[in-house]
Amino acid sequence: MEDIIKSYSLLDHLNVSRETYLDFEAFISMIQERNQEFNIVSKETAKNPVIRQRHIIDSAQIIDFIDLNSNTTTDIGTGGGMPGIVMAIMIKNLKKDLKINLYEKSHHKSFFLREVSRKLKLQTEVFEKNIFESKNIETGTVMARAFKPMPVILDLILRNFKSYKNLILFMGKNGKKILEDTLIEWDLEYTEKKSLTNEESFLLNIKNIKKK
């Protein structure tokens, strides 16, 4: 167990519980098992040290940006559950009454997300549909990781969400240029946070979105 905790040392400052780490490990095992049938993550990424850093720790670092006072948080394109399932695990162990809505149009991945949620007793709801077809969505925090280009996501928030508290985006190595270009057409109130897992990456916490 101590070796497992050490492998998550990048999260030390977040005071993550032992129960959370055990749930993370159970989630990883389920990904690896289901990955034999279809790709939830790439075969290379599914290996333990890689998946912990690239997917679990990378997703977990946004917990400080989540609005814990809302009833729901929404992952608009969760794929294999990053960051949505990771957040659901953390919120469960924080004893917060907050449901995570997971949008995923793939039938296989949606089935997997429900299976994980059931086994780990997570407070989630899986929407097996294209988020772009949903209207008047009300939620607290919105999360998007490796989903769509930034302007497409901003447009989705404006058109399809009736209310939201904030939007969290994971920005990669070209993130600074993407943000710069996006700000030409959009007015955003945001803060940046350096990524724990990649020196070239960062997180954006956006509060207000307006088209110029």
Protein backbone atom coordinates (compact mmCIF):
# COMPACT_ATOMS: atom_id res chain seq x y z
CA MET A 1 0.00 0.00 0.00
CA GLU A 2 2.81 2.43 0.85
CA ASP A 3 4.32 1.86 -2.61
CA ILE A 4 0.99 2.70 -4.20
CA ILE A 5 0.70 5.91 -2.17
CA LYS A 6 4.25 6.89 -3.18
CA SER A 7 3.31 6.47 -6.84
CA TYR A 8 0.74 9.26 -6.31
CA SER A 9 3.20 11.60 -4.56
CA LEU A 10 2.32 14.46 -6.96
CA LEU A 11 -1.04 14.63 -5.17
CA ASP A 12 0.43 14.87 -1.65
CA HIS A 13 -0.60 18.53 -1.26
CA LEU A 14 -4.25 17.60 -1.87
CA ASN A 15 -4.46 15.38 1.25
CA VAL A 16 -5.96 12.49 -0.69
CA SER A 17 -7.24 9.63 1.52
CA ARG A 18 -6.03 6.03 1.39
CA GLU A 19 -9.55 5.00 0.34
CA THR A 20 -9.31 7.28 -2.67
CA TYR A 21 -6.01 5.71 -3.75
CA LEU A 22 -7.55 2.24 -3.41
CA ASP A 23 -10.48 3.33 -5.59
CA PHE A 24 -8.04 4.77 -8.15
CA GLU A 25 -6.23 1.42 -8.26
CA ALA A 26 -9.52 -0.47 -8.64
CA PHE A 27 -10.48 1.88 -11.49
CA ILE A 28 -7.11 1.26 -13.19
CA SER A 29 -7.62 -2.53 -12.90
CA MET A 30 -11.06 -2.22 -14.50
CA ILE A 31 -9.64 -0.13 -17.36
CA GLN A 32 -6.87 -2.68 -17.96
CA GLU A 33 -9.32 -5.57 -17.91
CA ARG A 34 -11.83 -3.94 -20.27
CA ASN A 35 -8.99 -2.70 -22.50
CA GLN A 36 -8.50 -6.32 -23.61
CA GLU A 37 -11.85 -6.09 -25.42
CA PHE A 38 -11.79 -2.51 -26.75
CA ASN A 39 -9.64 0.56 -26.32
CA ILE A 40 -10.60 2.68 -23.35
CA VAL A 41 -7.06 4.07 -23.37
CA SER A 42 -4.21 3.10 -25.69
CA LYS A 43 -2.42 -0.18 -24.94
CA GLU A 44 0.78 1.72 -24.09
CA THR A 45 -1.00 4.14 -21.77
CA ALA A 46 -2.76 1.29 -19.95
CA LYS A 47 0.47 0.25 -18.22
CA ASN A 48 0.41 1.10 -14.50
CA PRO A 49 3.03 3.86 -14.10
CA VAL A 50 1.88 5.57 -17.29
CA ILE A 51 -1.86 5.43 -16.62
CA ARG A 52 -1.43 6.72 -13.06
CA GLN A 53 0.41 9.83 -14.18
CA ARG A 54 -1.12 10.52 -17.58
CA HIS A 55 -4.75 9.88 -16.67
CA ILE A 56 -5.44 9.55 -12.94
CA ILE A 57 -3.10 12.19 -11.46
CA ASP A 58 -3.67 14.49 -14.44
CA SER A 59 -7.44 14.32 -13.87
CA ALA A 60 -7.27 14.49 -10.05
CA GLN A 61 -5.39 17.80 -10.03
CA ILE A 62 -8.52 19.77 -10.97
CA ILE A 63 -10.31 19.02 -7.68
CA ASP A 64 -9.55 22.52 -6.33
CA PHE A 65 -11.46 24.04 -9.27
CA ILE A 66 -14.62 21.98 -8.76
CA ASP A 67 -17.60 23.89 -7.34
CA LEU A 68 -18.46 21.57 -4.44
CA ASN A 69 -21.55 23.57 -3.48
CA SER A 70 -23.51 22.62 -6.62
CA ASN A 71 -25.73 19.56 -7.04
CA THR A 72 -24.01 18.40 -10.21
CA THR A 73 -20.76 18.61 -12.14
CA THR A 74 -20.67 17.72 -15.83
CA ASP A 75 -17.95 16.03 -17.91
CA ILE A 76 -18.96 16.86 -21.49
CA GLY A 77 -16.91 14.16 -23.26
CA THR A 78 -15.64 11.74 -20.64
CA GLY A 79 -14.42 8.85 -22.81
CA GLY A 80 -13.11 6.23 -20.38
CA GLY A 81 -13.95 8.40 -17.37
CA MET A 82 -11.21 11.02 -17.32
CA PRO A 83 -11.70 13.32 -15.54
CA GLY A 84 -15.33 12.46 -14.62
CA ILE A 85 -14.86 9.11 -12.86
CA VAL A 86 -11.68 10.34 -11.14
CA MET A 87 -13.65 13.32 -9.79
CA ALA A 88 -16.51 11.04 -8.71
CA ILE A 89 -14.03 8.91 -6.73
CA MET A 90 -12.52 11.96 -5.04
CA ILE A 91 -15.91 13.52 -4.25
CA LYS A 92 -17.21 10.21 -2.82
CA ASN A 93 -14.29 10.12 -0.40
CA LEU A 94 -14.74 13.81 0.46
CA LYS A 95 -18.29 12.81 1.55
CA LYS A 96 -19.84 15.49 -0.69
CA ASP A 97 -23.38 15.09 -2.02
CA LEU A 98 -22.52 15.95 -5.61
CA LYS A 99 -23.48 13.97 -8.71
CA ILE A 100 -21.17 13.75 -11.73
CA ASN A 101 -22.93 13.77 -15.11
CA LEU A 102 -20.90 11.89 -17.71
CA TYR A 103 -21.58 12.44 -21.42
CA GLU A 104 -20.23 9.70 -23.69
CA LYS A 105 -21.78 8.73 -27.03
CA SER A 106 -19.96 5.37 -27.33
CA HIS A 107 -22.16 2.47 -26.18
CA HIS A 108 -19.19 0.37 -25.03
CA LYS A 109 -17.62 3.18 -23.01
CA SER A 110 -20.99 4.16 -21.51
CA PHE A 111 -21.54 0.56 -20.40
CA PHE A 112 -18.04 0.57 -18.86
CA LEU A 113 -18.69 3.86 -17.02
CA ARG A 114 -21.90 2.47 -15.50
CA GLU A 115 -20.10 -0.72 -14.48
CA VAL A 116 -17.30 1.26 -12.76
CA SER A 117 -19.82 3.54 -11.02
CA ARG A 118 -21.77 0.56 -9.72
CA LYS A 119 -18.71 -1.33 -8.46
CA LEU A 120 -17.13 1.71 -6.81
CA LYS A 121 -20.48 3.07 -5.55
CA LEU A 122 -20.03 6.41 -7.30
CA GLN A 123 -22.69 9.09 -7.59
CA THR A 124 -22.82 9.46 -11.37
CA GLU A 125 -25.30 9.55 -14.23
CA VAL A 126 -24.14 8.41 -17.66
CA PHE A 127 -25.73 10.09 -20.70
CA GLU A 128 -25.11 7.90 -23.74
CA LYS A 129 -25.52 10.72 -26.21
CA ASN A 130 -23.79 13.51 -28.06
CA ILE A 131 -23.58 16.53 -25.72
CA PHE A 132 -24.18 18.82 -28.71
CA GLU A 133 -27.72 17.43 -28.97
CA SER A 134 -28.59 18.33 -25.35
CA LYS A 135 -30.13 21.74 -24.63
CA ASN A 136 -30.79 23.92 -21.56
CA ILE A 137 -28.31 22.03 -19.39
CA GLU A 138 -27.98 23.26 -15.81
CA THR A 139 -24.92 22.33 -13.76
CA GLY A 140 -22.14 23.59 -11.52
CA THR A 141 -18.67 22.94 -12.89
CA VAL A 142 -18.17 21.82 -16.50
CA MET A 143 -15.07 19.73 -17.31
CA ALA A 144 -13.47 18.97 -20.67
CA ARG A 145 -10.29 16.95 -21.21
CA ALA A 146 -9.03 15.99 -24.68
CA PHE A 147 -12.51 16.64 -26.07
CA LYS A 148 -12.88 19.34 -28.75
CA PRO A 149 -11.00 22.53 -29.76
CA MET A 150 -11.36 25.33 -27.23
CA PRO A 151 -13.60 27.65 -29.38
CA VAL A 152 -15.97 24.71 -30.09
CA ILE A 153 -16.29 24.03 -26.35
CA LEU A 154 -16.91 27.71 -25.55
CA ASP A 155 -19.60 27.85 -28.23
CA LEU A 156 -21.20 24.68 -26.81
CA ILE A 157 -21.33 26.24 -23.32
CA LEU A 158 -23.00 29.39 -24.63
CA ARG A 159 -25.54 27.58 -26.82
CA ASN A 160 -26.41 24.45 -24.83
CA PHE A 161 -26.02 25.37 -21.16
CA LYS A 162 -28.74 27.31 -19.38
CA SER A 163 -26.52 27.80 -16.32
CA TYR A 164 -23.05 26.77 -15.11
CA LYS A 165 -20.57 27.97 -12.48
CA ASN A 166 -17.20 27.47 -14.21
CA LEU A 167 -15.48 25.58 -17.01
CA ILE A 168 -12.24 23.61 -16.53
CA LEU A 169 -10.09 22.96 -19.60
CA PHE A 170 -6.89 20.92 -19.87
CA MET A 171 -4.45 22.74 -22.17
CA GLY A 172 -1.56 20.90 -23.85
CA LYS A 173 1.79 22.02 -25.22
CA ASN A 174 0.17 24.32 -27.82
CA GLY A 175 -2.20 25.69 -25.18
CA LYS A 176 -0.70 29.18 -24.92
CA LYS A 177 -1.11 29.78 -28.67
CA ILE A 178 -4.63 28.30 -28.64
CA LEU A 179 -5.61 30.58 -25.73
CA GLU A 180 -4.06 33.60 -27.44
CA ASP A 181 -5.96 32.92 -30.66
CA THR A 182 -9.21 32.24 -28.81
CA LEU A 183 -9.01 35.54 -26.91
CA ILE A 184 -9.18 37.41 -30.23
CA GLU A 185 -12.85 36.40 -30.54
CA TRP A 186 -13.83 35.65 -26.93
CA ASP A 187 -13.93 37.59 -23.65
CA LEU A 188 -13.01 35.22 -20.82
CA GLU A 189 -12.53 35.65 -17.09
CA TYR A 190 -10.05 32.91 -16.21
CA THR A 191 -7.17 31.72 -14.06
CA GLU A 192 -4.32 29.42 -15.07
CA LYS A 193 -2.70 26.62 -13.09
CA LYS A 194 0.46 24.79 -14.09
CA SER A 195 -0.04 21.08 -14.75
CA LEU A 196 1.40 18.61 -12.23
CA THR A 197 2.07 16.01 -14.91
CA ASN A 198 3.57 17.92 -17.84
CA GLU A 199 5.77 21.01 -17.86
CA GLU A 200 4.30 22.20 -21.16
CA SER A 201 0.67 21.82 -20.06
CA PHE A 202 -1.65 23.89 -17.88
CA LEU A 203 -5.23 24.07 -16.65
CA LEU A 204 -7.74 26.84 -17.27
CA ASN A 205 -10.53 27.69 -14.84
CA ILE A 206 -12.97 29.91 -16.74
CA LYS A 207 -15.75 31.80 -14.91
CA ASN A 208 -17.35 34.01 -17.56
CA ILE A 209 -17.66 33.41 -21.29
CA LYS A 210 -18.71 36.05 -23.81
CA LYS A 211 -18.37 36.23 -27.59
CA LYS A 212 -16.89 39.51 -28.77
